[in-house]
């Protein structure tokens, strides 16, 4: 069997297992709604399903458990760890604050005092160690396994696009949960799903680049945590401001939210392609 066929086989098995977990989550939605304990157990299993799928695939295909990218690789890579913490925070800040400022509601930023920002920064740092453990369950599967199998088949750009779409679709049970509970409409589900697909596809390019540069999933885990948690932190700071309950942002400002992650996607796809070209030249030079 050729290397590409082997990659395709392993990728196929991995995706089948991942989406089987997704179906399981949807089928258990009613039980999860009835019990907080059941919800927590199933949610945690689902969160770790990418890692579980990668481990099962490695065992079934006899690939083994080497090259799982579980080393920290701190030497020479501290700048990437700092970037994994800082860039998502900058990106999310732009996503949330740009529409507010452009629409003329800068007075809403009253919650961004030095004390509030500092206390929330400490909370981010303290939560990162604990909550990142759960995100390791995702990154061990997505960046640590799926993307490695996709790239020989789809190339760098194809991996960024298809990998991001797969990652986004995996979140569909969470997007549809409000609809199943009767708390949202189907049109709201569609908006949430397509919005998440776009955002994760763009942001995923940064996570792929981090993993390649460090040969470790841990910078991606940190960046993933910051991407998730920064949204809650910034929303909390924003609502500490002078926001009236009957005021909302114009619909056209939603477009602005996509600009920061789109810029990140373009930058890191360019960097990924440049690094790939450099690797090819180095390989040719050593022949």
Protein backbone atom coordinates (compact mmCIF):
# COMPACT_ATOMS: atom_id res chain seq x y z
CA UNK A 1 0.00 0.00 0.00
CA UNK A 2 1.35 3.44 -0.96
CA UNK A 3 1.93 6.13 1.66
CA UNK A 4 -1.00 8.21 0.37
CA UNK A 5 -3.39 5.25 0.47
CA UNK A 6 -2.26 4.48 4.00
CA UNK A 7 -2.89 8.10 5.03
CA UNK A 8 -6.32 8.01 3.39
CA UNK A 9 -7.20 4.76 5.20
CA UNK A 10 -6.12 6.11 8.59
CA UNK A 11 -7.87 9.44 8.01
CA UNK A 12 -11.08 7.65 6.99
CA UNK A 13 -11.10 5.49 10.13
CA UNK A 14 -10.35 8.51 12.32
CA UNK A 15 -13.20 10.58 10.84
CA UNK A 16 -15.69 7.71 11.10
CA UNK A 17 -14.96 7.36 14.81
CA UNK A 18 -15.08 11.12 15.44
CA UNK A 19 -18.44 11.53 13.72
CA UNK A 20 -19.80 8.42 15.47
CA UNK A 21 -19.14 10.26 18.74
CA UNK A 22 -20.92 13.30 17.27
CA UNK A 23 -24.01 11.20 16.48
CA UNK A 24 -23.87 9.71 19.99
CA UNK A 25 -23.87 13.24 21.46
CA UNK A 26 -26.96 14.21 19.41
CA UNK A 27 -28.83 11.03 20.38
CA UNK A 28 -28.10 11.71 24.06
CA UNK A 29 -29.31 15.33 23.90
CA UNK A 30 -32.58 14.59 25.71
CA UNK A 31 -30.83 12.71 28.54
CA UNK A 32 -28.28 15.52 28.88
CA UNK A 33 -31.09 18.06 29.19
CA UNK A 34 -32.66 16.05 32.03
CA UNK A 35 -29.55 15.58 34.16
CA UNK A 36 -26.55 17.83 34.82
CA UNK A 37 -24.46 14.79 35.77
CA UNK A 38 -25.27 12.99 32.52
CA UNK A 39 -24.61 16.21 30.61
CA UNK A 40 -21.17 16.60 32.18
CA UNK A 41 -20.15 12.97 31.58
CA UNK A 42 -21.25 12.90 27.93
CA UNK A 43 -19.84 16.36 27.26
CA UNK A 44 -16.42 15.33 28.60
CA UNK A 45 -16.43 12.10 26.57
CA UNK A 46 -17.34 14.12 23.48
CA UNK A 47 -14.62 16.70 24.20
CA UNK A 48 -12.00 13.95 24.29
CA UNK A 49 -13.43 12.10 21.28
CA UNK A 50 -10.81 13.44 18.79
CA UNK A 51 -8.02 12.13 21.02
CA UNK A 52 -9.87 8.84 21.59
CA UNK A 53 -10.41 8.49 17.83
CA UNK A 54 -6.73 9.06 17.13
CA UNK A 55 -5.68 6.46 19.71
CA UNK A 56 -8.15 3.87 18.38
CA UNK A 57 -7.04 4.53 14.80
CA UNK A 58 -3.38 4.17 15.76
CA UNK A 59 -4.16 0.86 17.46
CA UNK A 60 -6.40 -0.55 14.70
CA UNK A 61 -4.04 0.34 11.88
CA UNK A 62 -0.99 -0.77 13.93
CA UNK A 63 0.56 2.65 13.34
CA UNK A 64 1.76 2.81 16.91
CA UNK A 65 1.87 5.70 19.34
CA UNK A 66 5.04 7.49 18.35
CA UNK A 67 5.05 11.04 17.06
CA UNK A 68 1.97 12.07 19.05
CA UNK A 69 3.51 15.54 19.53
CA UNK A 70 3.09 15.40 23.30
CA UNK A 71 6.50 16.88 24.08
CA UNK A 72 6.58 20.51 25.21
CA UNK A 73 9.67 21.36 23.12
CA UNK A 74 10.26 24.57 25.08
CA UNK A 75 13.87 25.08 24.00
CA UNK A 76 13.91 27.66 21.25
CA UNK A 77 10.11 27.76 21.10
CA UNK A 78 9.17 30.11 23.96
CA UNK A 79 8.21 32.82 21.42
CA UNK A 80 5.64 30.48 19.91
CA UNK A 81 4.12 29.77 23.33
CA UNK A 82 3.90 33.51 24.00
CA UNK A 83 2.32 34.02 20.59
CA UNK A 84 -0.18 31.23 21.26
CA UNK A 85 -1.29 33.12 24.39
CA UNK A 86 -1.21 36.66 23.00
CA UNK A 87 -2.46 36.47 19.42
CA UNK A 88 -5.88 34.93 20.17
CA UNK A 89 -6.43 37.59 22.83
CA UNK A 90 -5.59 40.35 20.34
CA UNK A 91 -7.74 38.72 17.65
CA UNK A 92 -10.76 38.26 19.92
CA UNK A 93 -10.39 41.79 21.32
CA UNK A 94 -10.55 43.13 17.77
CA UNK A 95 -13.55 40.94 16.96
CA UNK A 96 -15.52 42.20 19.94
CA UNK A 97 -14.40 45.81 20.23
CA UNK A 98 -14.14 46.89 16.58
CA UNK A 99 -17.91 46.65 15.93
CA UNK A 100 -18.62 48.49 19.19
CA UNK A 101 -16.29 51.37 18.38
CA UNK A 102 -17.18 51.65 14.68
CA UNK A 103 -20.92 51.74 15.46
CA UNK A 104 -20.38 54.68 17.83
CA UNK A 105 -20.84 52.90 21.16
CA UNK A 106 -17.42 53.50 22.68
CA UNK A 107 -19.21 54.47 25.91
CA UNK A 108 -19.92 50.75 26.37
CA UNK A 109 -16.25 50.20 27.22
CA UNK A 110 -16.69 51.41 30.80
CA UNK A 111 -15.91 47.93 32.10
CA UNK A 112 -12.37 48.09 30.71
CA UNK A 113 -10.80 49.64 33.81
CA UNK A 114 -7.28 48.73 34.91
CA UNK A 115 -8.58 46.74 37.89
CA UNK A 116 -11.16 44.81 35.88
CA UNK A 117 -8.72 43.97 33.11
CA UNK A 118 -6.01 42.90 35.57
CA UNK A 119 -8.33 40.66 37.59
CA UNK A 120 -9.67 38.99 34.43
CA UNK A 121 -6.12 38.51 33.14
CA UNK A 122 -5.21 36.64 36.33
CA UNK A 123 -8.35 34.52 35.96
CA UNK A 124 -7.34 33.64 32.39
CA UNK A 125 -3.89 32.56 33.53
CA UNK A 126 -5.20 30.53 36.47
CA UNK A 127 -7.89 28.78 34.42
CA UNK A 128 -5.54 27.99 31.55
CA UNK A 129 -3.74 25.11 33.27
CA UNK A 130 -6.96 23.29 34.25
CA UNK A 131 -9.17 23.98 31.24
CA UNK A 132 -6.41 23.33 28.73
CA UNK A 133 -6.39 19.69 29.84
CA UNK A 134 -9.81 19.23 28.23
CA UNK A 135 -8.68 20.97 25.05
CA UNK A 136 -5.76 18.56 24.79
CA UNK A 137 -8.45 16.00 23.97
CA UNK A 138 -9.29 18.01 20.86
CA UNK A 139 -5.82 19.07 19.75
CA UNK A 140 -4.33 15.59 20.07
CA UNK A 141 -6.85 14.55 17.45
CA UNK A 142 -7.19 17.59 15.17
CA UNK A 143 -3.72 19.10 14.95
CA UNK A 144 -1.82 16.11 16.33
CA UNK A 145 -3.36 13.52 14.02
CA UNK A 146 -5.97 14.59 11.45
CA UNK A 147 -3.97 17.40 9.89
CA UNK A 148 -0.88 15.19 9.62
CA UNK A 149 -2.88 12.66 7.58
CA UNK A 150 -4.63 15.28 5.47
CA UNK A 151 -1.62 17.22 4.23
CA UNK A 152 -0.11 14.46 2.02
CA UNK A 153 -3.55 14.05 0.43
CA UNK A 154 -4.86 17.63 0.18
CA UNK A 155 -1.80 19.84 0.42
CA UNK A 156 -1.32 22.72 2.85
CA UNK A 157 -4.19 24.95 1.70
CA UNK A 158 -6.57 22.00 1.33
CA UNK A 159 -5.74 20.83 4.85
CA UNK A 160 -6.42 24.30 6.26
CA UNK A 161 -9.78 24.54 4.47
CA UNK A 162 -11.08 20.96 4.78
CA UNK A 163 -9.60 20.47 8.25
CA UNK A 164 -11.24 23.70 9.44
CA UNK A 165 -14.61 22.66 8.01
CA UNK A 166 -14.40 19.22 9.66
CA UNK A 167 -13.43 20.84 12.96
CA UNK A 168 -16.38 23.22 12.67
CA UNK A 169 -18.88 20.50 11.75
CA UNK A 170 -17.81 18.48 14.77
CA UNK A 171 -19.24 21.32 16.91
CA UNK A 172 -22.68 20.94 15.26
CA UNK A 173 -24.22 19.07 18.24
CA UNK A 174 -23.41 22.09 20.42
CA UNK A 175 -24.87 24.46 17.83
CA UNK A 176 -28.09 22.49 17.61
CA UNK A 177 -28.50 21.89 21.36
CA UNK A 178 -30.43 25.14 21.88
CA UNK A 179 -32.82 24.24 19.07
CA UNK A 180 -33.39 20.74 20.53
CA UNK A 181 -34.14 22.33 23.91
CA UNK A 182 -36.57 24.77 22.30
CA UNK A 183 -34.44 27.81 23.17
CA UNK A 184 -33.52 28.83 19.62
CA UNK A 185 -34.87 28.68 16.08
CA UNK A 186 -33.46 26.61 13.22
CA UNK A 187 -32.39 29.78 11.40
CA UNK A 188 -30.35 30.75 14.49
CA UNK A 189 -28.74 27.29 14.39
CA UNK A 190 -27.76 27.82 10.75
CA UNK A 191 -26.25 31.23 11.49
CA UNK A 192 -24.32 29.81 14.44
CA UNK A 193 -23.09 26.79 12.43
CA UNK A 194 -21.89 28.74 9.40
CA UNK A 195 -20.35 31.43 11.59
CA UNK A 196 -18.42 28.81 13.54
CA UNK A 197 -17.31 27.09 10.32
CA UNK A 198 -15.87 30.35 9.01
CA UNK A 199 -14.17 31.32 12.26
CA UNK A 200 -12.65 27.91 13.00
CA UNK A 201 -11.44 27.42 9.44
CA UNK A 202 -9.63 30.76 9.62
CA UNK A 203 -8.27 30.31 13.15
CA UNK A 204 -7.26 26.70 12.46
CA UNK A 205 -4.52 27.91 10.08
CA UNK A 206 -2.78 29.51 13.06
CA UNK A 207 -3.05 26.30 15.10
CA UNK A 208 -1.63 24.22 12.23
CA UNK A 209 1.29 26.65 11.90
CA UNK A 210 2.00 26.55 15.65
CA UNK A 211 2.02 22.74 15.66
CA UNK A 212 4.37 22.59 12.68
CA UNK A 213 6.79 25.17 14.08
CA UNK A 214 7.07 23.53 17.49
CA UNK A 215 6.33 19.87 16.60
CA UNK A 216 4.06 19.91 19.66
CA UNK A 217 0.31 20.16 20.24
CA UNK A 218 0.70 22.21 23.43
CA UNK A 219 0.99 25.67 21.81
CA UNK A 220 -2.20 24.87 19.88
CA UNK A 221 -3.85 23.80 23.15
CA UNK A 222 -2.96 27.15 24.74
CA UNK A 223 -4.12 29.14 21.70
CA UNK A 224 -7.35 27.12 21.59
CA UNK A 225 -7.98 27.86 25.27
CA UNK A 226 -7.36 31.56 24.75
CA UNK A 227 -9.67 31.59 21.74
CA UNK A 228 -12.48 30.07 23.83
CA UNK A 229 -11.95 31.81 27.14
CA UNK A 230 -11.14 35.27 25.77
CA UNK A 231 -14.65 35.47 24.33
CA UNK A 232 -16.21 35.05 27.78
CA UNK A 233 -13.73 37.40 29.42
CA UNK A 234 -14.21 40.18 26.87
CA UNK A 235 -18.00 39.78 26.94
CA UNK A 236 -17.94 40.09 30.73
CA UNK A 237 -15.78 43.22 30.58
CA UNK A 238 -18.01 44.69 27.89
CA UNK A 239 -21.16 44.16 29.96
CA UNK A 240 -19.56 45.90 32.91
CA UNK A 241 -19.89 49.07 30.83
CA UNK A 242 -22.85 51.37 30.37
CA UNK A 243 -24.93 49.14 28.08
CA UNK A 244 -28.65 49.74 28.00
CA UNK A 245 -30.80 46.63 27.66
CA UNK A 246 -32.65 48.03 24.64
CA UNK A 247 -29.49 48.86 22.65
CA UNK A 248 -27.90 46.43 20.21
CA UNK A 249 -25.33 46.67 17.45
CA UNK A 250 -26.43 47.10 13.82
CA UNK A 251 -26.50 43.86 11.82
CA UNK A 252 -23.88 45.13 9.36
CA UNK A 253 -21.26 45.19 12.14
CA UNK A 254 -21.34 41.37 12.25
CA UNK A 255 -19.21 41.40 9.09
CA UNK A 256 -16.46 43.23 11.00
CA UNK A 257 -16.12 40.30 13.40
CA UNK A 258 -14.76 38.09 10.65
CA UNK A 259 -12.05 40.48 9.47
CA UNK A 260 -9.41 39.78 12.23
CA UNK A 261 -9.56 35.98 11.83
CA UNK A 262 -9.61 36.31 8.04
CA UNK A 263 -6.39 38.35 8.22
CA UNK A 264 -4.88 35.67 10.48
CA UNK A 265 -5.89 32.96 7.99
CA UNK A 266 -4.22 34.74 5.07
CA UNK A 267 -1.03 35.49 7.04
CA UNK A 268 -0.54 31.97 8.33
CA UNK A 269 -1.43 30.23 5.07
CA UNK A 270 1.30 32.36 3.45
CA UNK A 271 3.73 31.39 6.23
CA UNK A 272 2.80 27.70 5.91
CA UNK A 273 3.37 27.76 2.15
CA UNK A 274 6.66 29.61 2.58
CA UNK A 275 7.88 27.07 5.15
CA UNK A 276 6.83 24.20 2.89
CA UNK A 277 8.72 25.68 -0.05
CA UNK A 278 11.80 26.13 2.15
CA UNK A 279 11.59 22.48 3.32
CA UNK A 280 11.40 21.29 -0.30
CA UNK A 281 14.50 23.34 -1.23
CA UNK A 282 16.39 22.01 1.81
CA UNK A 283 15.47 18.42 0.87
CA UNK A 284 16.65 18.93 -2.69
CA UNK A 285 19.91 20.46 -1.47
CA UNK A 286 20.66 17.41 0.70
CA UNK A 287 20.17 14.93 -2.13
